[in-house]
C-alpha atoms as a PDB file:
ATOM      1  CA  MET A   1      44.050 -88.479 -27.522  1.00  0.00           C
ATOM      2  CA  ALA A   2      46.650 -86.632 -25.442  1.00  0.00           C
ATOM      3  CA  VAL A   3      49.420 -88.505 -27.270  1.00  0.00           C
ATOM      4  CA  VAL A   4      48.119 -87.323 -30.636  1.00  0.00           C
ATOM      5  CA  PHE A   5      47.641 -83.742 -29.422  1.00  0.00           C
ATOM      6  CA  PHE A   6      51.161 -83.371 -28.070  1.00  0.00           C
ATOM      7  CA  GLY A   7      52.604 -85.333 -30.998  1.00  0.00           C
ATOM      8  CA  VAL A   8      50.995 -82.926 -33.458  1.00  0.00           C
ATOM      9  CA  PHE A   9      52.232 -80.039 -31.309  1.00  0.00           C
ATOM     10  CA  GLY A  10      55.731 -81.428 -31.744  1.00  0.00           C
ATOM     11  CA  ILE A  11      55.249 -81.697 -35.518  1.00  0.00           C
ATOM     12  CA  ILE A  12      54.157 -78.058 -35.623  1.00  0.00           C
ATOM     13  CA  GLY A  13      57.323 -77.210 -33.706  1.00  0.00           C
ATOM     14  CA  THR A  14      59.312 -78.952 -36.444  1.00  0.00           C
ATOM     15  CA  TYR A  15      57.626 -77.097 -39.285  1.00  0.00           C
ATOM     16  CA  THR A  16      57.990 -73.722 -37.587  1.00  0.00           C
ATOM     17  CA  GLY A  17      61.746 -74.230 -37.261  1.00  0.00           C
ATOM     18  CA  ILE A  18      64.437 -72.993 -39.611  1.00  0.00           C
ATOM     19  CA  THR A  19      66.819 -75.006 -41.755  1.00  0.00           C
ATOM     20  CA  TYR A  20      70.582 -74.724 -41.432  1.00  0.00           C
ATOM     21  CA  ASN A  21      73.002 -75.775 -44.155  1.00  0.00           C
ATOM     22  CA  THR A  22      76.322 -76.849 -42.661  1.00  0.00           C
ATOM     23  CA  ASP A  23      78.127 -76.369 -45.999  1.00  0.00           C
ATOM     24  CA  SER A  24      76.900 -72.924 -46.998  1.00  0.00           C
ATOM     25  CA  LEU A  25      76.120 -71.816 -43.412  1.00  0.00           C
ATOM     26  CA  ASP A  26      72.810 -70.416 -44.701  1.00  0.00           C
ATOM     27  CA  PHE A  27      69.490 -70.430 -42.812  1.00  0.00           C
ATOM     28  CA  GLY A  28      66.151 -71.133 -44.508  1.00  0.00           C
ATOM     29  CA  ARG A  29      62.499 -70.686 -43.519  1.00  0.00           C
ATOM     30  CA  TRP A  30      60.601 -73.893 -44.327  1.00  0.00           C
ATOM     31  CA  ALA A  31      61.581 -77.524 -43.933  1.00  0.00           C
ATOM     32  CA  PHE A  32      59.903 -80.172 -46.081  1.00  0.00           C
ATOM     33  CA  ASN A  33      62.733 -82.216 -47.597  1.00  0.00           C
ATOM     34  CA  LEU A  34      66.178 -81.716 -46.136  1.00  0.00           C
ATOM     35  CA  GLY A  35      69.377 -82.299 -48.009  1.00  0.00           C
ATOM     36  CA  GLU A  36      72.314 -84.306 -46.646  1.00  0.00           C
ATOM     37  CA  SER A  37      74.049 -81.182 -45.411  1.00  0.00           C
ATOM     38  CA  GLU A  38      70.933 -79.651 -43.826  1.00  0.00           C
ATOM     39  CA  ALA A  39      69.528 -79.769 -40.297  1.00  0.00           C
ATOM     40  CA  LEU A  40      66.749 -78.078 -38.342  1.00  0.00           C
ATOM     41  CA  ALA A  41      66.699 -75.577 -35.512  1.00  0.00           C
ATOM     42  CA  ASN A  42      63.206 -75.989 -34.083  1.00  0.00           C
ATOM     43  CA  SER A  43      60.936 -76.120 -31.014  1.00  0.00           C
ATOM     44  CA  ARG A  44      59.757 -79.740 -31.378  1.00  0.00           C
ATOM     45  CA  VAL A  45      61.013 -80.613 -27.899  1.00  0.00           C
ATOM     46  CA  ILE A  46      58.499 -78.260 -26.217  1.00  0.00           C
ATOM     47  CA  GLY A  47      55.474 -80.335 -27.153  1.00  0.00           C
ATOM     48  CA  ILE A  48      57.167 -83.597 -26.222  1.00  0.00           C
ATOM     49  CA  VAL A  49      58.427 -82.307 -22.886  1.00  0.00           C
ATOM     50  CA  ALA A  50      54.961 -80.948 -22.080  1.00  0.00           C
ATOM     51  CA  ALA A  51      53.493 -84.374 -22.844  1.00  0.00           C
ATOM     52  CA  GLY A  52      55.862 -86.094 -20.422  1.00  0.00           C
ATOM     53  CA  LEU A  53      55.492 -83.506 -17.658  1.00  0.00           C
ATOM     54  CA  PHE A  54      51.697 -83.468 -17.768  1.00  0.00           C
ATOM     55  CA  GLY A  55      50.937 -87.072 -18.685  1.00  0.00           C
ATOM     56  CA  GLY A  56      53.901 -89.169 -17.595  1.00  0.00           C
ATOM     57  CA  TYR A  57      56.395 -91.236 -19.546  1.00  0.00           C
ATOM     58  CA  ARG A  58      53.785 -93.130 -21.601  1.00  0.00           C
ATOM     59  CA  ILE A  59      52.244 -89.957 -23.006  1.00  0.00           C
ATOM     60  CA  GLY A  60      55.705 -88.461 -23.426  1.00  0.00           C
ATOM     61  CA  ILE A  61      57.100 -91.451 -25.314  1.00  0.00           C
ATOM     62  CA  GLY A  62      53.956 -91.667 -27.473  1.00  0.00           C
ATOM     63  CA  ALA A  63      54.206 -88.007 -28.459  1.00  0.00           C
ATOM     64  CA  GLY A  64      57.942 -88.455 -29.029  1.00  0.00           C
ATOM     65  CA  VAL A  65      57.343 -91.385 -31.388  1.00  0.00           C
ATOM     66  CA  ILE A  66      54.857 -89.373 -33.472  1.00  0.00           C
ATOM     67  CA  ALA A  67      57.018 -86.261 -33.659  1.00  0.00           C
ATOM     68  CA  GLY A  68      60.220 -88.299 -34.049  1.00  0.00           C
ATOM     69  CA  LEU A  69      58.946 -90.388 -36.971  1.00  0.00           C
ATOM     70  CA  HIS A  70      57.792 -87.233 -38.686  1.00  0.00           C
ATOM     71  CA  ARG A  71      61.195 -85.601 -38.210  1.00  0.00           C
ATOM     72  CA  PHE A  72      62.975 -88.721 -39.488  1.00  0.00           C
ATOM     73  CA  SER A  73      60.817 -88.649 -42.638  1.00  0.00           C
ATOM     74  CA  LEU A  74      62.088 -85.164 -43.498  1.00  0.00           C
ATOM     75  CA  GLY A  75      65.623 -86.457 -43.940  1.00  0.00           C
ATOM     76  CA  GLY A  76      68.845 -84.561 -43.417  1.00  0.00           C
ATOM     77  CA  PHE A  77      72.003 -85.905 -41.825  1.00  0.00           C
ATOM     78  CA  THR A  78      70.487 -85.495 -38.323  1.00  0.00           C
ATOM     79  CA  GLY A  79      67.150 -87.167 -39.190  1.00  0.00           C
ATOM     80  CA  LEU A  80      67.803 -90.390 -37.299  1.00  0.00           C
ATOM     81  CA  ALA A  81      69.418 -88.622 -34.344  1.00  0.00           C
ATOM     82  CA  CYS A  82      66.503 -86.211 -33.983  1.00  0.00           C
ATOM     83  CA  GLY A  83      63.989 -89.045 -34.276  1.00  0.00           C
ATOM     84  CA  ILE A  84      65.689 -90.953 -31.464  1.00  0.00           C
ATOM     85  CA  SER A  85      66.098 -87.864 -29.294  1.00  0.00           C
ATOM     86  CA  ALA A  86      62.375 -87.071 -29.582  1.00  0.00           C
ATOM     87  CA  VAL A  87      61.511 -90.381 -27.914  1.00  0.00           C
ATOM     88  CA  VAL A  88      64.250 -89.901 -25.311  1.00  0.00           C
ATOM     89  CA  ALA A  89      62.907 -86.415 -24.532  1.00  0.00           C
ATOM     90  CA  GLY A  90      59.454 -87.858 -23.838  1.00  0.00           C
ATOM     91  CA  LEU A  91      60.925 -90.493 -21.536  1.00  0.00           C
ATOM     92  CA  LEU A  92      63.111 -87.949 -19.760  1.00  0.00           C
ATOM     93  CA  ALA A  93      60.198 -85.545 -19.163  1.00  0.00           C
ATOM     94  CA  GLY A  94      58.081 -88.425 -17.886  1.00  0.00           C
ATOM     95  CA  LEU A  95      60.598 -89.040 -15.121  1.00  0.00           C
ATOM     96  CA  PHE A  96      59.784 -85.572 -13.744  1.00  0.00           C
ATOM     97  CA  HIS A  97      56.013 -86.113 -13.864  1.00  0.00           C
ATOM     98  CA  LYS A  98      54.382 -85.656 -10.451  1.00  0.00           C
ATOM     99  CA  LYS A  99      50.763 -86.782 -10.463  1.00  0.00           C
ATOM    100  CA  ASP A 100      49.645 -85.114  -7.258  1.00  0.00           C
ATOM    101  CA  ARG A 101      51.959 -82.107  -7.228  1.00  0.00           C
ATOM    102  CA  PRO A 102      51.776 -78.878  -9.233  1.00  0.00           C
ATOM    103  CA  LEU A 103      54.493 -78.358 -11.811  1.00  0.00           C
ATOM    104  CA  LYS A 104      56.964 -75.551 -11.231  1.00  0.00           C
ATOM    105  CA  LEU A 105      58.100 -73.201 -13.968  1.00  0.00           C
ATOM    106  CA  THR A 106      61.708 -73.917 -13.052  1.00  0.00           C
ATOM    107  CA  THR A 107      61.092 -77.648 -13.569  1.00  0.00           C
ATOM    108  CA  ALA A 108      59.690 -77.065 -17.050  1.00  0.00           C
ATOM    109  CA  LEU A 109      62.574 -74.717 -17.858  1.00  0.00           C
ATOM    110  CA  LEU A 110      65.260 -77.171 -16.726  1.00  0.00           C
ATOM    111  CA  VAL A 111      63.645 -80.253 -18.291  1.00  0.00           C
ATOM    112  CA  GLY A 112      63.167 -78.446 -21.616  1.00  0.00           C
ATOM    113  CA  ALA A 113      66.796 -77.345 -21.615  1.00  0.00           C
ATOM    114  CA  LEU A 114      67.999 -80.786 -20.498  1.00  0.00           C
ATOM    115  CA  ALA A 115      66.017 -82.558 -23.234  1.00  0.00           C
ATOM    116  CA  GLU A 116      67.547 -80.302 -25.865  1.00  0.00           C
ATOM    117  CA  THR A 117      71.019 -80.840 -24.390  1.00  0.00           C
ATOM    118  CA  VAL A 118      70.507 -84.596 -24.655  1.00  0.00           C
ATOM    119  CA  GLN A 119      69.456 -84.142 -28.272  1.00  0.00           C
ATOM    120  CA  MET A 120      72.698 -82.315 -29.032  1.00  0.00           C
ATOM    121  CA  GLY A 121      74.587 -85.192 -27.442  1.00  0.00           C
ATOM    122  CA  ILE A 122      72.724 -87.794 -29.528  1.00  0.00           C
ATOM    123  CA  ILE A 123      73.463 -85.798 -32.669  1.00  0.00           C
ATOM    124  CA  LEU A 124      77.177 -85.856 -31.831  1.00  0.00           C
ATOM    125  CA  LEU A 125      77.065 -89.606 -31.143  1.00  0.00           C
ATOM    126  CA  THR A 126      75.038 -90.785 -34.135  1.00  0.00           C
ATOM    127  CA  ALA A 127      75.149 -88.199 -36.931  1.00  0.00           C
ATOM    128  CA  SER A 128      77.887 -88.461 -39.513  1.00  0.00           C
ATOM    129  CA  PRO A 129      80.274 -87.155 -40.470  1.00  0.00           C
ATOM    130  CA  PHE A 130      81.231 -86.018 -36.977  1.00  0.00           C
ATOM    131  CA  SER A 131      82.799 -82.792 -38.204  1.00  0.00           C
ATOM    132  CA  ARG A 132      79.480 -81.720 -39.702  1.00  0.00           C
ATOM    133  CA  ALA A 133      77.605 -82.677 -36.524  1.00  0.00           C
ATOM    134  CA  TRP A 134      80.098 -80.808 -34.375  1.00  0.00           C
ATOM    135  CA  GLY A 135      79.794 -77.703 -36.531  1.00  0.00           C
ATOM    136  CA  LEU A 136      76.002 -77.858 -36.245  1.00  0.00           C
ATOM    137  CA  VAL A 137      76.045 -78.185 -32.446  1.00  0.00           C
ATOM    138  CA  GLN A 138      78.488 -75.293 -32.152  1.00  0.00           C
ATOM    139  CA  GLU A 139      76.225 -73.110 -34.268  1.00  0.00           C
ATOM    140  CA  ILE A 140      72.727 -73.862 -32.924  1.00  0.00           C
ATOM    141  CA  GLY A 141      73.302 -75.836 -29.684  1.00  0.00           C
ATOM    142  CA  LEU A 142      73.177 -73.091 -27.079  1.00  0.00           C
ATOM    143  CA  PRO A 143      70.378 -71.061 -28.734  1.00  0.00           C
ATOM    144  CA  MET A 144      68.182 -74.174 -29.018  1.00  0.00           C
ATOM    145  CA  ILE A 145      68.855 -75.258 -25.435  1.00  0.00           C
ATOM    146  CA  ALA A 146      67.879 -71.822 -24.159  1.00  0.00           C
ATOM    147  CA  ALA A 147      64.891 -71.386 -26.501  1.00  0.00           C
ATOM    148  CA  ASN A 148      63.354 -74.791 -25.771  1.00  0.00           C
ATOM    149  CA  GLY A 149      63.879 -74.415 -22.033  1.00  0.00           C
ATOM    150  CA  VAL A 150      62.148 -71.032 -21.992  1.00  0.00           C
ATOM    151  CA  GLY A 151      59.482 -72.341 -24.395  1.00  0.00           C
ATOM    152  CA  ALA A 152      58.613 -75.247 -22.102  1.00  0.00           C
ATOM    153  CA  ALA A 153      58.259 -72.846 -19.170  1.00  0.00           C
ATOM    154  CA  LEU A 154      56.050 -70.502 -21.205  1.00  0.00           C
ATOM    155  CA  PHE A 155      53.871 -73.429 -22.281  1.00  0.00           C
ATOM    156  CA  LEU A 156      53.361 -74.372 -18.630  1.00  0.00           C
ATOM    157  CA  LEU A 157      52.548 -70.747 -17.821  1.00  0.00           C
ATOM    158  CA  ILE A 158      49.850 -70.714 -20.502  1.00  0.00           C
ATOM    159  CA  ILE A 159      48.315 -73.910 -19.104  1.00  0.00           C
ATOM    160  CA  ARG A 160      48.323 -72.367 -15.623  1.00  0.00           C
ATOM    161  CA  ASN A 161      46.509 -69.301 -16.899  1.00  0.00           C
ATOM    162  CA  VAL A 162      43.847 -71.488 -18.519  1.00  0.00           C
ATOM    163  CA  LEU A 163      43.335 -73.379 -15.251  1.00  0.00           C
ATOM    164  CA  HIS A 164      43.183 -70.085 -13.374  1.00  0.00           C
ATOM    165  CA  GLU A 165      40.411 -68.910 -15.681  1.00  0.00           C
ATOM    166  CA  GLU A 166      38.519 -72.120 -14.915  1.00  0.00           C
ATOM    167  CA  GLU A 167      38.859 -71.388 -11.204  1.00  0.00           C
ATOM    168  CA  LYS A 168      37.461 -67.897 -11.780  1.00  0.00           C
ATOM    169  CA  VAL A 169      34.495 -69.434 -13.590  1.00  0.00           C
ATOM    170  CA  GLY A 170      34.011 -71.761 -10.637  1.00  0.00           C
ATOM    171  CA  ALA A 171      33.963 -68.766  -8.277  1.00  0.00           C
ATOM    172  CA  LEU A 172      31.333 -67.045 -10.409  1.00  0.00           C
ATOM    173  CA  GLN A 173      29.260 -70.218 -10.348  1.00  0.00           C
ATOM    174  CA  ALA A 174      29.528 -70.298  -6.560  1.00  0.00           C
ATOM    175  CA  GLN A 175      28.215 -66.720  -6.394  1.00  0.00           C
ATOM    176  CA  LYS A 176      25.388 -67.656  -8.732  1.00  0.00           C
ATOM    177  CA  ALA A 177      24.592 -70.694  -6.593  1.00  0.00           C
ATOM    178  CA  LEU A 178      24.427 -68.535  -3.479  1.00  0.00           C
ATOM    179  CA  LYS A 179      21.919 -66.189  -5.103  1.00  0.00           C
ATOM    180  CA  LEU A 180      19.806 -69.123  -6.280  1.00  0.00           C
ATOM    181  CA  ALA A 181      19.886 -70.650  -2.822  1.00  0.00           C
ATOM    182  CA  GLU A 182      18.723 -67.380  -1.303  1.00  0.00           C
ATOM    183  CA  SER A 183      15.871 -67.247  -3.838  1.00  0.00           C
ATOM    184  CA  THR A 184      14.692 -70.815  -3.303  1.00  0.00           C
ATOM    185  CA  VAL A 185      15.217 -71.349   0.399  1.00  0.00           C
ATOM    186  CA  SER A 186      12.146 -69.336   1.387  1.00  0.00           C
ATOM    187  CA  HIS A 187       9.985 -71.839  -0.503  1.00  0.00           C
ATOM    188  CA  LEU A 188      11.801 -74.949   0.673  1.00  0.00           C
ATOM    189  CA  ARG A 189      11.728 -73.903   4.322  1.00  0.00           C
ATOM    190  CA  LYS A 190       8.010 -74.671   4.228  1.00  0.00           C
ATOM    191  CA  GLY A 191       8.876 -78.314   3.590  1.00  0.00           C
ATOM    192  CA  LEU A 192       9.535 -80.465   0.560  1.00  0.00           C
ATOM    193  CA  SER A 193       6.160 -80.547  -1.207  1.00  0.00           C
ATOM    194  CA  ALA A 194       4.882 -80.397  -4.769  1.00  0.00           C
ATOM    195  CA  GLN A 195       4.210 -76.663  -4.421  1.00  0.00           C
ATOM    196  CA  SER A 196       7.564 -75.698  -2.861  1.00  0.00           C
ATOM    197  CA  ALA A 197       9.498 -77.987  -5.220  1.00  0.00           C
ATOM    198  CA  GLY A 198       7.731 -76.520  -8.251  1.00  0.00           C
ATOM    199  CA  GLN A 199       8.512 -72.958  -7.193  1.00  0.00           C
ATOM    200  CA  ALA A 200      12.160 -73.795  -6.512  1.00  0.00           C
ATOM    201  CA  CYS A 201      12.572 -75.651  -9.815  1.00  0.00           C
ATOM    202  CA  ARG A 202      11.124 -72.735 -11.797  1.00  0.00           C
ATOM    203  CA  ILE A 203      13.521 -70.281 -10.167  1.00  0.00           C
ATOM    204  CA  ILE A 204      16.538 -72.505 -10.884  1.00  0.00           C
ATOM    205  CA  TYR A 205      15.413 -73.288 -14.448  1.00  0.00           C
ATOM    206  CA  GLU A 206      15.205 -69.593 -15.340  1.00  0.00           C
ATOM    207  CA  GLU A 207      18.796 -69.007 -14.222  1.00  0.00           C
ATOM    208  CA  VAL A 208      20.642 -72.194 -15.251  1.00  0.00           C
ATOM    209  CA  ASP A 209      21.302 -73.254 -18.850  1.00  0.00           C
ATOM    210  CA  VAL A 210      19.928 -76.816 -18.687  1.00  0.00           C
ATOM    211  CA  SER A 211      17.107 -78.611 -20.466  1.00  0.00           C
ATOM    212  CA  ALA A 212      14.997 -79.299 -17.387  1.00  0.00           C
ATOM    213  CA  ILE A 213      14.987 -79.288 -13.576  1.00  0.00           C
ATOM    214  CA  SER A 214      13.292 -81.927 -11.463  1.00  0.00           C
ATOM    215  CA  MET A 215      12.904 -82.458  -7.737  1.00  0.00           C
ATOM    216  CA  THR A 216      11.772 -85.536  -5.818  1.00  0.00           C
ATOM    217  CA  ASP A 217      11.242 -86.674  -2.282  1.00  0.00           C
ATOM    218  CA  LYS A 218      12.158 -90.223  -1.273  1.00  0.00           C
ATOM    219  CA  ASN A 219       9.328 -91.782  -3.250  1.00  0.00           C
ATOM    220  CA  ASP A 220       7.724 -89.466  -5.799  1.00  0.00           C
ATOM    221  CA  ILE A 221       8.548 -86.858  -8.440  1.00  0.00           C
ATOM    222  CA  LEU A 222       7.410 -83.577  -6.899  1.00  0.00           C
ATOM    223  CA  ALA A 223       8.113 -81.218  -9.828  1.00  0.00           C
ATOM    224  CA  HIS A 224       9.508 -81.161 -13.356  1.00  0.00           C
ATOM    225  CA  VAL A 225      10.140 -77.856 -15.122  1.00  0.00           C
ATOM    226  CA  GLY A 226      11.526 -77.536 -18.664  1.00  0.00           C
ATOM    227  CA  LEU A 227      11.681 -79.782 -21.720  1.00  0.00           C
ATOM    228  CA  ALA A 228       9.751 -83.058 -21.843  1.00  0.00           C
ATOM    229  CA  ASP A 229       7.232 -81.883 -19.247  1.00  0.00           C
ATOM    230  CA  ASP A 230       4.522 -83.436 -21.440  1.00  0.00           C
ATOM    231  CA  HIS A 231       5.600 -86.911 -20.349  1.00  0.00           C
ATOM    232  CA  HIS A 232       7.925 -86.334 -17.380  1.00  0.00           C
ATOM    233  CA  LYS A 233       5.046 -85.784 -14.977  1.00  0.00           C
ATOM    234  CA  SER A 234       5.049 -84.767 -11.339  1.00  0.00           C
ATOM    235  CA  GLY A 235       3.061 -86.692  -8.781  1.00  0.00           C
ATOM    236  CA  VAL A 236       4.188 -90.114  -9.984  1.00  0.00           C
ATOM    237  CA  PRO A 237       6.631 -92.562  -8.340  1.00  0.00           C
ATOM    238  CA  ILE A 238      10.360 -92.213  -9.040  1.00  0.00           C
ATOM    239  CA  GLN A 239      11.211 -94.025 -12.278  1.00  0.00           C
ATOM    240  CA  THR A 240      14.999 -94.206 -12.485  1.00  0.00           C
ATOM    241  CA  ASP A 241      17.204 -96.634 -10.599  1.00  0.00           C
ATOM    242  CA  ALA A 242      19.921 -93.963 -10.519  1.00  0.00           C
ATOM    243  CA  THR A 243      17.670 -91.650  -8.510  1.00  0.00           C
ATOM    244  CA  LYS A 244      16.826 -94.436  -6.071  1.00  0.00           C
ATOM    245  CA  GLN A 245      20.551 -95.183  -5.720  1.00  0.00           C
ATOM    246  CA  VAL A 246      21.286 -91.541  -4.887  1.00  0.00           C
ATOM    247  CA  ILE A 247      18.596 -91.610  -2.206  1.00  0.00           C
ATOM    248  CA  ARG A 248      20.115 -94.761  -0.718  1.00  0.00           C
ATOM    249  CA  ASP A 249      23.766 -93.673  -0.877  1.00  0.00           C
ATOM    250  CA  GLY A 250      23.500 -89.904  -0.516  1.00  0.00           C
ATOM    251  CA  LYS A 251      26.045 -89.429  -3.319  1.00  0.00           C
ATOM    252  CA  MET A 252      25.750 -87.398  -6.494  1.00  0.00           C
ATOM    253  CA  ALA A 253      25.457 -89.447  -9.709  1.00  0.00           C
ATOM    254  CA  ILE A 254      25.270 -88.999 -13.478  1.00  0.00           C
ATOM    255  CA  ALA A 255      22.593 -90.887 -15.395  1.00  0.00           C
ATOM    256  CA  GLY A 256      22.970 -91.488 -19.118  1.00  0.00           C
ATOM    257  CA  HIS A 257      20.149 -91.831 -21.660  1.00  0.00           C
ATOM    258  CA  GLU A 258      19.549 -95.496 -20.923  1.00  0.00           C
ATOM    259  CA  GLU A 259      19.592 -94.948 -17.161  1.00  0.00           C
ATOM    260  CA  ILE A 260      16.880 -92.299 -17.346  1.00  0.00           C
ATOM    261  CA  HIS A 261      14.428 -95.039 -18.414  1.00  0.00           C
ATOM    262  CA  CYS A 262      12.235 -92.672 -20.430  1.00  0.00           C
ATOM    263  CA  GLN A 263       9.642 -94.592 -22.442  1.00  0.00           C
ATOM    264  CA  THR A 264       9.171 -91.797 -24.998  1.00  0.00           C
ATOM    265  CA  ALA A 265      11.290 -92.481 -28.082  1.00  0.00           C
ATOM    266  CA  ARG A 266      11.979 -88.841 -28.984  1.00  0.00           C
ATOM    267  CA  CYS A 267      12.577 -87.550 -25.490  1.00  0.00           C
ATOM    268  CA  PRO A 268      15.047 -84.615 -25.695  1.00  0.00           C
ATOM    269  CA  LEU A 269      16.556 -85.422 -22.278  1.00  0.00           C
ATOM    270  CA  GLY A 270      19.686 -87.495 -22.782  1.00  0.00           C
ATOM    271  CA  ALA A 271      21.414 -87.308 -19.403  1.00  0.00           C
ATOM    272  CA  ALA A 272      20.991 -85.984 -15.888  1.00  0.00           C
ATOM    273  CA  VAL A 273      23.047 -84.992 -12.868  1.00  0.00           C
ATOM    274  CA  ILE A 274      21.261 -86.251  -9.758  1.00  0.00           C
ATOM    275  CA  ALA A 275      22.139 -84.677  -6.431  1.00  0.00           C
ATOM    276  CA  PRO A 276      20.901 -85.748  -2.987  1.00  0.00           C
ATOM    277  CA  LEU A 277      18.951 -83.260  -0.911  1.00  0.00           C
ATOM    278  CA  MET A 278      20.158 -83.516   2.669  1.00  0.00           C
ATOM    279  CA  LYS A 279      18.558 -82.245   5.834  1.00  0.00           C
ATOM    280  CA  ARG A 280      20.277 -82.915   9.150  1.00  0.00           C
ATOM    281  CA  GLN A 281      22.510 -85.534   7.494  1.00  0.00           C
ATOM    282  CA  GLU A 282      19.504 -87.434   6.133  1.00  0.00           C
ATOM    283  CA  VAL A 283      18.543 -87.744   2.468  1.00  0.00           C
ATOM    284  CA  VAL A 284      15.077 -86.255   2.009  1.00  0.00           C
ATOM    285  CA  GLY A 285      14.962 -86.221  -1.796  1.00  0.00           C
ATOM    286  CA  THR A 286      16.903 -85.366  -4.964  1.00  0.00           C
ATOM    287  CA  LEU A 287      17.524 -82.434  -7.278  1.00  0.00           C
ATOM    288  CA  LYS A 288      17.983 -83.375 -10.944  1.00  0.00           C
ATOM    289  CA  PHE A 289      19.529 -81.276 -13.704  1.00  0.00           C
ATOM    290  CA  TYR A 290      18.625 -82.641 -17.159  1.00  0.00           C
ATOM    291  CA  VAL A 291      20.663 -81.954 -20.324  1.00  0.00           C
ATOM    292  CA  ARG A 292      20.480 -83.205 -23.891  1.00  0.00           C
ATOM    293  CA  SER A 293      23.552 -85.461 -23.687  1.00  0.00           C
ATOM    294  CA  GLU A 294      26.384 -86.410 -21.351  1.00  0.00           C
ATOM    295  CA  LYS A 295      28.816 -84.145 -23.226  1.00  0.00           C
ATOM    296  CA  ASP A 296      26.789 -81.175 -21.926  1.00  0.00           C
ATOM    297  CA  ILE A 297      27.645 -82.111 -18.338  1.00  0.00           C
ATOM    298  CA  SER A 298      30.589 -79.858 -17.622  1.00  0.00           C
ATOM    299  CA  ASN A 299      32.743 -79.284 -14.595  1.00  0.00           C
ATOM    300  CA  VAL A 300      31.152 -75.836 -14.352  1.00  0.00           C
ATOM    301  CA  LEU A 301      27.647 -77.345 -14.156  1.00  0.00           C
ATOM    302  CA  ILE A 302      28.654 -79.752 -11.403  1.00  0.00           C
ATOM    303  CA  GLU A 303      30.367 -76.873  -9.584  1.00  0.00           C
ATOM    304  CA  LEU A 304      27.093 -74.946  -9.724  1.00  0.00           C
ATOM    305  CA  ILE A 305      25.094 -77.888  -8.366  1.00  0.00           C
ATOM    306  CA  GLN A 306      27.579 -78.329  -5.546  1.00  0.00           C
ATOM    307  CA  GLY A 307      27.522 -74.640  -4.696  1.00  0.00           C
ATOM    308  CA  LEU A 308      23.736 -74.459  -4.834  1.00  0.00           C
ATOM    309  CA  SER A 309      23.436 -77.359  -2.433  1.00  0.00           C
ATOM    310  CA  ALA A 310      26.175 -76.194  -0.058  1.00  0.00           C
ATOM    311  CA  SER A 311      24.708 -72.689   0.109  1.00  0.00           C
ATOM    312  CA  SER A 312      21.242 -73.839   1.097  1.00  0.00           C
ATOM    313  CA  ALA A 313      20.049 -72.766   4.540  1.00  0.00           C
ATOM    314  CA  ASN A 314      18.522 -76.228   4.928  1.00  0.00           C
ATOM    315  CA  ASN A 315      22.018 -77.772   5.003  1.00  0.00           C
ATOM    316  CA  TRP A 316      21.677 -79.602   1.680  1.00  0.00           C
ATOM    317  CA  ASN A 317      25.217 -80.892   1.226  1.00  0.00           C
ATOM    318  CA  LEU A 318      26.673 -82.461  -1.872  1.00  0.00           C
ATOM    319  CA  PRO A 319      29.891 -84.545  -2.122  1.00  0.00           C
ATOM    320  CA  MET A 320      33.122 -82.597  -1.739  1.00  0.00           C
ATOM    321  CA  ARG A 321      35.534 -81.700  -4.561  1.00  0.00           C
ATOM    322  CA  LYS A 322      37.409 -84.997  -4.418  1.00  0.00           C
ATOM    323  CA  GLU A 323      34.240 -86.943  -5.095  1.00  0.00           C
ATOM    324  CA  ARG A 324      33.362 -84.525  -7.919  1.00  0.00           C
ATOM    325  CA  ARG A 325      36.729 -85.179  -9.551  1.00  0.00           C
ATOM    326  CA  ASN A 326      36.243 -88.937  -9.190  1.00  0.00           C
ATOM    327  CA  LEU A 327      32.823 -88.622 -10.799  1.00  0.00           C
ATOM    328  CA  LEU A 328      34.276 -86.802 -13.806  1.00  0.00           C
ATOM    329  CA  GLU A 329      37.094 -89.338 -14.113  1.00  0.00           C
ATOM    330  CA  LYS A 330      34.577 -92.200 -14.313  1.00  0.00           C
ATOM    331  CA  ARG A 331      32.875 -90.471 -17.227  1.00  0.00           C
ATOM    332  CA  LYS A 332      36.158 -90.324 -19.126  1.00  0.00           C
END
């Protein structure tokens, strides 16, 4: 999916470029079918470089192949050279991919400029006649190197801003979790019972956008508030193997529709996040957030569950961020 996204981004960069006629020295707006004397000044490299920097050489090469084949199909005397350079740009950017390290703006700037410089070199080596290729590079080489370098850095900056917004959402969720913990802890301090669990679940359900909230001890369902309460009854033994596994392991888990083991055919609950309730390092029960399908389980929701648990005065601790990331990766 990432290959297609960045490949299409590269194609858009091609179409938003301008044509240059090496005979008449005229510039044009749109490029659909290029003549033998025409070439393109474009930002195709930005998408390909971004693919390699974020996803590694495989994603970079894949995006380069898509964007490169498209560029080759448009024709022009640099069609083959640009097609080849697109793949090379993806490979080159992949060499600078650092899986566990944040990307620097200077890295994106230099790699974008370097990829475009390599493209100019490939044009000189493969496009013919050489005099036409040389004239093209003299005319658009430096502007394209600078523009694509800056463009790659700006693209990275945009991605950083998006991630920063996600962090801000996470902080808001943590504040919300703290308030919920303060509201529920007075009930749960009395002990984990059907009454205290029911009160806590109702408070959480009114504040969190999920289909249902359930709470159990080690053996029984103590409360269920929300959708499907006509057949998801409290006071009965725990039904799902996933819940029993969480009680045994003390690790948060995601249960899909089949793992919920609901016997009602039209049950609206399609997935659940199951978190262990810990007291003095011992699992005493579980807290379950039900949603309609697994696609509704977002990073924000898991962040809220983690914050709610960590903020509890009863020391209900959920797995740390690393485990949360691993959990999301398994779902992918």
